[in-house]
Amino acid sequence: MASYYLSSDLELAELIANDDDQAFAEIYRRYKGVLFLHAHRMLGDQEEAKDILQELFTTLWLNRKEIKPHTSFSSYLYKALRNRIFDVISHKKVEQKYISSLAAFIEQGECITDQQIREKELTVLIEQEVSLLPPKMREVFEMSRNTDLSYKEIAQELHISDKTVKKQVSNALHILRQKLDLAFVLMYISKDL
């Protein structure tokens, strides 16, 4: 082991390329501490730093035949570590964007759902109040709202004056406004309780 301790990084790299696991152990011993500190400082997470370091050395061993550092082994390791750190940071940003997008969708979805529920409740409430109108008033009101007929055309069809149609619609709207205003107040008070 003493000969490995005295060997240069480039000599160790050549030995590693020839499947020398003792040379690999020496490189690991030399650089694990400083590489871990660098990764931990960049990521701020001890477990992530350990994972990246383990992945770096695993990849180094698996690709030992192809690795040929041109300048120094330490600069090769730092560069490989830096690239892995950037990948992790980039992945975190993508995850955060996804989480933010999902949270916004959920929040918006809840708003849409609440709005749809209120619209359905309002429709049911209006239909209910319209059904409680006096029969003739209800008939005139429904014709004015559900057909494209003018007051004059409704009057001709029902054999009444157009002033009567206008008065019936006006009275129906007045009654509905009063009842619906009260219903809205009661509905929102009960939701807040």
C-alpha atoms as a PDB file:
ATOM      1  CA  MET A   1       0.000   0.000   0.000  1.00  0.00           C
ATOM      2  CA  ALA A   2       2.956   2.327   0.605  1.00  0.00           C
ATOM      3  CA  SER A   3       3.825   2.332  -3.098  1.00  0.00           C
ATOM      4  CA  TYR A   4       0.294   3.488  -3.924  1.00  0.00           C
ATOM      5  CA  TYR A   5       0.586   6.239  -1.340  1.00  0.00           C
ATOM      6  CA  LEU A   6       3.715   7.549  -3.087  1.00  0.00           C
ATOM      7  CA  SER A   7       2.308   7.203  -6.622  1.00  0.00           C
ATOM      8  CA  SER A   8       1.122  10.235  -8.582  1.00  0.00           C
ATOM      9  CA  ASP A   9      -2.506  10.620  -9.571  1.00  0.00           C
ATOM     10  CA  LEU A  10      -1.716   9.910 -13.224  1.00  0.00           C
ATOM     11  CA  GLU A  11       0.144   6.722 -12.290  1.00  0.00           C
ATOM     12  CA  LEU A  12      -2.839   5.666 -10.194  1.00  0.00           C
ATOM     13  CA  ALA A  13      -5.191   6.468 -13.096  1.00  0.00           C
ATOM     14  CA  GLU A  14      -3.204   4.117 -15.332  1.00  0.00           C
ATOM     15  CA  LEU A  15      -3.316   1.398 -12.693  1.00  0.00           C
ATOM     16  CA  ILE A  16      -7.071   1.878 -12.251  1.00  0.00           C
ATOM     17  CA  ALA A  17      -7.527   1.542 -16.027  1.00  0.00           C
ATOM     18  CA  ASN A  18      -5.799  -1.851 -15.663  1.00  0.00           C
ATOM     19  CA  ASP A  19      -8.313  -2.983 -13.001  1.00  0.00           C
ATOM     20  CA  ASP A  20      -6.118  -2.252  -9.968  1.00  0.00           C
ATOM     21  CA  ASP A  21      -8.602  -1.886  -7.123  1.00  0.00           C
ATOM     22  CA  GLN A  22      -5.845  -0.867  -4.662  1.00  0.00           C
ATOM     23  CA  ALA A  23      -5.001   2.126  -6.874  1.00  0.00           C
ATOM     24  CA  PHE A  24      -8.720   2.967  -6.928  1.00  0.00           C
ATOM     25  CA  ALA A  25      -8.825   2.752  -3.101  1.00  0.00           C
ATOM     26  CA  GLU A  26      -5.894   5.177  -2.912  1.00  0.00           C
ATOM     27  CA  ILE A  27      -7.618   7.716  -5.195  1.00  0.00           C
ATOM     28  CA  TYR A  28     -10.781   7.344  -3.119  1.00  0.00           C
ATOM     29  CA  ARG A  29      -8.814   7.900   0.098  1.00  0.00           C
ATOM     30  CA  ARG A  30      -7.087  10.998  -1.331  1.00  0.00           C
ATOM     31  CA  TYR A  31     -10.139  12.762  -2.672  1.00  0.00           C
ATOM     32  CA  LYS A  32     -13.243  11.592  -0.806  1.00  0.00           C
ATOM     33  CA  GLY A  33     -12.907  14.190   1.964  1.00  0.00           C
ATOM     34  CA  VAL A  34     -12.311  17.296  -0.158  1.00  0.00           C
ATOM     35  CA  LEU A  35     -14.862  16.230  -2.777  1.00  0.00           C
ATOM     36  CA  PHE A  36     -17.451  15.602  -0.064  1.00  0.00           C
ATOM     37  CA  LEU A  37     -16.840  19.025   1.486  1.00  0.00           C
ATOM     38  CA  HIS A  38     -17.152  20.679  -1.926  1.00  0.00           C
ATOM     39  CA  ALA A  39     -20.401  18.824  -2.721  1.00  0.00           C
ATOM     40  CA  HIS A  40     -21.830  19.538   0.729  1.00  0.00           C
ATOM     41  CA  ARG A  41     -21.000  23.237   0.428  1.00  0.00           C
ATOM     42  CA  MET A  42     -22.659  23.439  -3.005  1.00  0.00           C
ATOM     43  CA  LEU A  43     -25.766  21.427  -2.135  1.00  0.00           C
ATOM     44  CA  GLY A  44     -26.215  22.175   1.551  1.00  0.00           C
ATOM     45  CA  ASP A  45     -27.327  18.590   2.136  1.00  0.00           C
ATOM     46  CA  GLN A  46     -25.047  15.969   3.668  1.00  0.00           C
ATOM     47  CA  GLU A  47     -26.967  12.959   2.328  1.00  0.00           C
ATOM     48  CA  GLU A  48     -27.092  14.346  -1.215  1.00  0.00           C
ATOM     49  CA  ALA A  49     -23.363  15.067  -1.048  1.00  0.00           C
ATOM     50  CA  LYS A  50     -22.709  11.459   0.044  1.00  0.00           C
ATOM     51  CA  ASP A  51     -24.930  10.120  -2.743  1.00  0.00           C
ATOM     52  CA  ILE A  52     -23.205  12.204  -5.406  1.00  0.00           C
ATOM     53  CA  LEU A  53     -19.774  11.168  -4.162  1.00  0.00           C
ATOM     54  CA  GLN A  54     -20.749   7.496  -4.177  1.00  0.00           C
ATOM     55  CA  GLU A  55     -22.184   7.853  -7.669  1.00  0.00           C
ATOM     56  CA  LEU A  56     -19.014   9.636  -8.851  1.00  0.00           C
ATOM     57  CA  PHE A  57     -16.674   6.912  -7.601  1.00  0.00           C
ATOM     58  CA  THR A  58     -18.960   4.131  -8.817  1.00  0.00           C
ATOM     59  CA  THR A  59     -18.990   5.654 -12.294  1.00  0.00           C
ATOM     60  CA  LEU A  60     -15.222   6.126 -12.117  1.00  0.00           C
ATOM     61  CA  TRP A  61     -14.728   2.431 -11.417  1.00  0.00           C
ATOM     62  CA  LEU A  62     -17.261   1.272 -13.999  1.00  0.00           C
ATOM     63  CA  ASN A  63     -15.734   3.482 -16.712  1.00  0.00           C
ATOM     64  CA  ARG A  64     -12.126   3.020 -15.652  1.00  0.00           C
ATOM     65  CA  LYS A  65     -11.010   1.812 -19.095  1.00  0.00           C
ATOM     66  CA  GLU A  66     -12.284   4.934 -20.867  1.00  0.00           C
ATOM     67  CA  ILE A  67     -11.122   7.564 -18.371  1.00  0.00           C
ATOM     68  CA  LYS A  68      -7.941   9.294 -19.480  1.00  0.00           C
ATOM     69  CA  PRO A  69      -7.364  12.528 -17.550  1.00  0.00           C
ATOM     70  CA  HIS A  70      -5.414  14.961 -19.730  1.00  0.00           C
ATOM     71  CA  THR A  71      -4.055  17.303 -17.065  1.00  0.00           C
ATOM     72  CA  SER A  72      -4.563  15.994 -13.558  1.00  0.00           C
ATOM     73  CA  PHE A  73      -6.796  13.425 -11.960  1.00  0.00           C
ATOM     74  CA  SER A  74      -7.927  15.908  -9.301  1.00  0.00           C
ATOM     75  CA  SER A  75      -9.204  18.389 -11.913  1.00  0.00           C
ATOM     76  CA  TYR A  76     -10.965  15.499 -13.697  1.00  0.00           C
ATOM     77  CA  LEU A  77     -12.698  14.493 -10.426  1.00  0.00           C
ATOM     78  CA  TYR A  78     -13.682  18.076  -9.568  1.00  0.00           C
ATOM     79  CA  LYS A  79     -15.115  18.621 -13.023  1.00  0.00           C
ATOM     80  CA  ALA A  80     -17.076  15.347 -12.894  1.00  0.00           C
ATOM     81  CA  LEU A  81     -18.349  16.226  -9.407  1.00  0.00           C
ATOM     82  CA  ARG A  82     -19.320  19.750 -10.477  1.00  0.00           C
ATOM     83  CA  ASN A  83     -21.307  18.376 -13.437  1.00  0.00           C
ATOM     84  CA  ARG A  84     -23.181  15.984 -11.165  1.00  0.00           C
ATOM     85  CA  ILE A  85     -23.942  18.813  -8.715  1.00  0.00           C
ATOM     86  CA  PHE A  86     -25.275  20.972 -11.559  1.00  0.00           C
ATOM     87  CA  ASP A  87     -27.468  18.077 -12.677  1.00  0.00           C
ATOM     88  CA  VAL A  88     -28.896  17.735  -9.154  1.00  0.00           C
ATOM     89  CA  ILE A  89     -29.505  21.491  -8.849  1.00  0.00           C
ATOM     90  CA  SER A  90     -31.128  21.565 -12.290  1.00  0.00           C
ATOM     91  CA  HIS A  91     -33.323  18.590 -11.376  1.00  0.00           C
ATOM     92  CA  LYS A  92     -34.364  20.332  -8.140  1.00  0.00           C
ATOM     93  CA  LYS A  93     -35.389  23.423 -10.106  1.00  0.00           C
ATOM     94  CA  VAL A  94     -37.473  21.296 -12.462  1.00  0.00           C
ATOM     95  CA  GLU A  95     -39.058  19.512  -9.490  1.00  0.00           C
ATOM     96  CA  GLN A  96     -39.813  22.836  -7.798  1.00  0.00           C
ATOM     97  CA  LYS A  97     -41.418  24.219 -10.969  1.00  0.00           C
ATOM     98  CA  TYR A  98     -43.495  21.059 -11.264  1.00  0.00           C
ATOM     99  CA  ILE A  99     -44.565  21.225  -7.617  1.00  0.00           C
ATOM    100  CA  SER A 100     -45.449  24.919  -7.956  1.00  0.00           C
ATOM    101  CA  SER A 101     -47.368  24.222 -11.145  1.00  0.00           C
ATOM    102  CA  LEU A 102     -49.215  21.341  -9.518  1.00  0.00           C
ATOM    103  CA  ALA A 103     -50.052  23.432  -6.451  1.00  0.00           C
ATOM    104  CA  ALA A 104     -51.372  26.238  -8.663  1.00  0.00           C
ATOM    105  CA  PHE A 105     -53.440  23.752 -10.649  1.00  0.00           C
ATOM    106  CA  ILE A 106     -54.894  22.226  -7.494  1.00  0.00           C
ATOM    107  CA  GLU A 107     -55.688  25.655  -6.069  1.00  0.00           C
ATOM    108  CA  GLN A 108     -57.230  26.828  -9.332  1.00  0.00           C
ATOM    109  CA  GLY A 109     -59.076  23.529  -9.686  1.00  0.00           C
ATOM    110  CA  GLU A 110     -60.597  23.986  -6.241  1.00  0.00           C
ATOM    111  CA  CYS A 111     -61.693  27.517  -7.172  1.00  0.00           C
ATOM    112  CA  ILE A 112     -63.230  26.287 -10.410  1.00  0.00           C
ATOM    113  CA  THR A 113     -64.983  23.465  -8.580  1.00  0.00           C
ATOM    114  CA  ASP A 114     -66.307  25.858  -5.924  1.00  0.00           C
ATOM    115  CA  GLN A 115     -67.519  28.213  -8.631  1.00  0.00           C
ATOM    116  CA  GLN A 116     -69.212  25.384 -10.525  1.00  0.00           C
ATOM    117  CA  ILE A 117     -70.935  24.202  -7.352  1.00  0.00           C
ATOM    118  CA  ARG A 118     -72.161  27.728  -6.600  1.00  0.00           C
ATOM    119  CA  GLU A 119     -73.429  28.116 -10.160  1.00  0.00           C
ATOM    120  CA  LYS A 120     -75.358  24.848  -9.893  1.00  0.00           C
ATOM    121  CA  GLU A 121     -76.764  25.856  -6.517  1.00  0.00           C
ATOM    122  CA  LEU A 122     -77.783  29.220  -7.950  1.00  0.00           C
ATOM    123  CA  THR A 123     -79.458  27.596 -10.954  1.00  0.00           C
ATOM    124  CA  VAL A 124     -81.418  25.236  -8.699  1.00  0.00           C
ATOM    125  CA  LEU A 125     -82.383  28.123  -6.423  1.00  0.00           C
ATOM    126  CA  ILE A 126     -83.579  30.274  -9.329  1.00  0.00           C
ATOM    127  CA  GLU A 127     -85.597  27.390 -10.810  1.00  0.00           C
ATOM    128  CA  GLN A 128     -87.101  26.720  -7.419  1.00  0.00           C
ATOM    129  CA  GLU A 129     -88.123  30.359  -6.904  1.00  0.00           C
ATOM    130  CA  VAL A 130     -89.503  30.628 -10.449  1.00  0.00           C
ATOM    131  CA  SER A 131     -91.644  27.544  -9.810  1.00  0.00           C
ATOM    132  CA  LEU A 132     -93.168  29.320  -6.767  1.00  0.00           C
ATOM    133  CA  LEU A 133     -94.372  32.298  -8.808  1.00  0.00           C
ATOM    134  CA  PRO A 134     -98.123  32.536  -9.463  1.00  0.00           C
ATOM    135  CA  PRO A 135     -98.984  30.337 -12.499  1.00  0.00           C
ATOM    136  CA  LYS A 136     -99.769  33.098 -15.017  1.00  0.00           C
ATOM    137  CA  MET A 137     -96.795  35.213 -13.911  1.00  0.00           C
ATOM    138  CA  ARG A 138     -94.517  32.159 -14.146  1.00  0.00           C
ATOM    139  CA  GLU A 139     -95.774  31.373 -17.659  1.00  0.00           C
ATOM    140  CA  VAL A 140     -95.129  34.937 -18.869  1.00  0.00           C
ATOM    141  CA  PHE A 141     -91.744  35.104 -17.167  1.00  0.00           C
ATOM    142  CA  GLU A 142     -90.568  31.754 -18.564  1.00  0.00           C
ATOM    143  CA  MET A 143     -91.685  32.721 -22.060  1.00  0.00           C
ATOM    144  CA  SER A 144     -89.761  36.003 -21.827  1.00  0.00           C
ATOM    145  CA  ARG A 145     -86.610  34.229 -20.654  1.00  0.00           C
ATOM    146  CA  ASN A 146     -86.712  30.943 -22.574  1.00  0.00           C
ATOM    147  CA  THR A 147     -87.882  32.125 -25.992  1.00  0.00           C
ATOM    148  CA  ASP A 148     -86.770  34.855 -28.350  1.00  0.00           C
ATOM    149  CA  LEU A 149     -90.247  36.348 -28.349  1.00  0.00           C
ATOM    150  CA  SER A 150     -90.803  40.030 -27.691  1.00  0.00           C
ATOM    151  CA  TYR A 151     -93.344  41.264 -25.133  1.00  0.00           C
ATOM    152  CA  LYS A 152     -95.737  42.003 -28.003  1.00  0.00           C
ATOM    153  CA  GLU A 153     -95.386  38.449 -29.412  1.00  0.00           C
ATOM    154  CA  ILE A 154     -95.899  36.902 -25.965  1.00  0.00           C
ATOM    155  CA  ALA A 155     -98.994  39.094 -25.488  1.00  0.00           C
ATOM    156  CA  GLN A 156    -100.425  37.932 -28.834  1.00  0.00           C
ATOM    157  CA  GLU A 157     -99.744  34.280 -28.035  1.00  0.00           C
ATOM    158  CA  LEU A 158    -101.345  34.500 -24.572  1.00  0.00           C
ATOM    159  CA  HIS A 159    -104.126  36.845 -25.690  1.00  0.00           C
ATOM    160  CA  ILE A 160    -103.198  39.585 -23.196  1.00  0.00           C
ATOM    161  CA  SER A 161    -101.863  43.110 -23.628  1.00  0.00           C
ATOM    162  CA  ASP A 162     -98.156  43.738 -24.009  1.00  0.00           C
ATOM    163  CA  LYS A 163     -98.387  46.083 -20.980  1.00  0.00           C
ATOM    164  CA  THR A 164     -99.624  43.128 -18.930  1.00  0.00           C
ATOM    165  CA  VAL A 165     -96.674  41.049 -20.142  1.00  0.00           C
ATOM    166  CA  LYS A 166     -94.268  43.836 -19.215  1.00  0.00           C
ATOM    167  CA  LYS A 167     -95.883  44.252 -15.779  1.00  0.00           C
ATOM    168  CA  GLN A 168     -95.865  40.460 -15.110  1.00  0.00           C
ATOM    169  CA  VAL A 169     -92.132  40.194 -16.019  1.00  0.00           C
ATOM    170  CA  SER A 170     -91.322  43.241 -13.896  1.00  0.00           C
ATOM    171  CA  ASN A 171     -93.232  41.821 -10.912  1.00  0.00           C
ATOM    172  CA  ALA A 172     -91.570  38.408 -11.336  1.00  0.00           C
ATOM    173  CA  LEU A 173     -88.106  40.002 -11.380  1.00  0.00           C
ATOM    174  CA  HIS A 174     -88.933  42.040  -8.287  1.00  0.00           C
ATOM    175  CA  ILE A 175     -90.124  38.938  -6.385  1.00  0.00           C
ATOM    176  CA  LEU A 176     -87.120  36.870  -7.502  1.00  0.00           C
ATOM    177  CA  ARG A 177     -84.623  39.590  -6.554  1.00  0.00           C
ATOM    178  CA  GLN A 178     -86.031  39.826  -3.043  1.00  0.00           C
ATOM    179  CA  LYS A 179     -86.111  36.059  -2.504  1.00  0.00           C
ATOM    180  CA  LEU A 180     -82.715  35.425  -4.098  1.00  0.00           C
ATOM    181  CA  ASP A 181     -81.024  38.249  -2.172  1.00  0.00           C
ATOM    182  CA  LEU A 182     -82.282  36.726   1.061  1.00  0.00           C
ATOM    183  CA  ALA A 183     -81.311  33.224  -0.098  1.00  0.00           C
ATOM    184  CA  PHE A 184     -77.771  34.396  -0.973  1.00  0.00           C
ATOM    185  CA  VAL A 185     -77.316  35.974   2.419  1.00  0.00           C
ATOM    186  CA  LEU A 186     -78.518  32.820   4.169  1.00  0.00           C
ATOM    187  CA  MET A 187     -76.423  30.563   1.905  1.00  0.00           C
ATOM    188  CA  TYR A 188     -73.176  32.469   2.550  1.00  0.00           C
ATOM    189  CA  ILE A 189     -73.840  32.786   6.276  1.00  0.00           C
ATOM    190  CA  SER A 190     -74.355  29.022   6.548  1.00  0.00           C
ATOM    191  CA  LYS A 191     -71.109  28.341   4.608  1.00  0.00           C
ATOM    192  CA  ASP A 192     -69.115  30.552   6.966  1.00  0.00           C
ATOM    193  CA  LEU A 193     -70.433  28.729  10.048  1.00  0.00           C
END
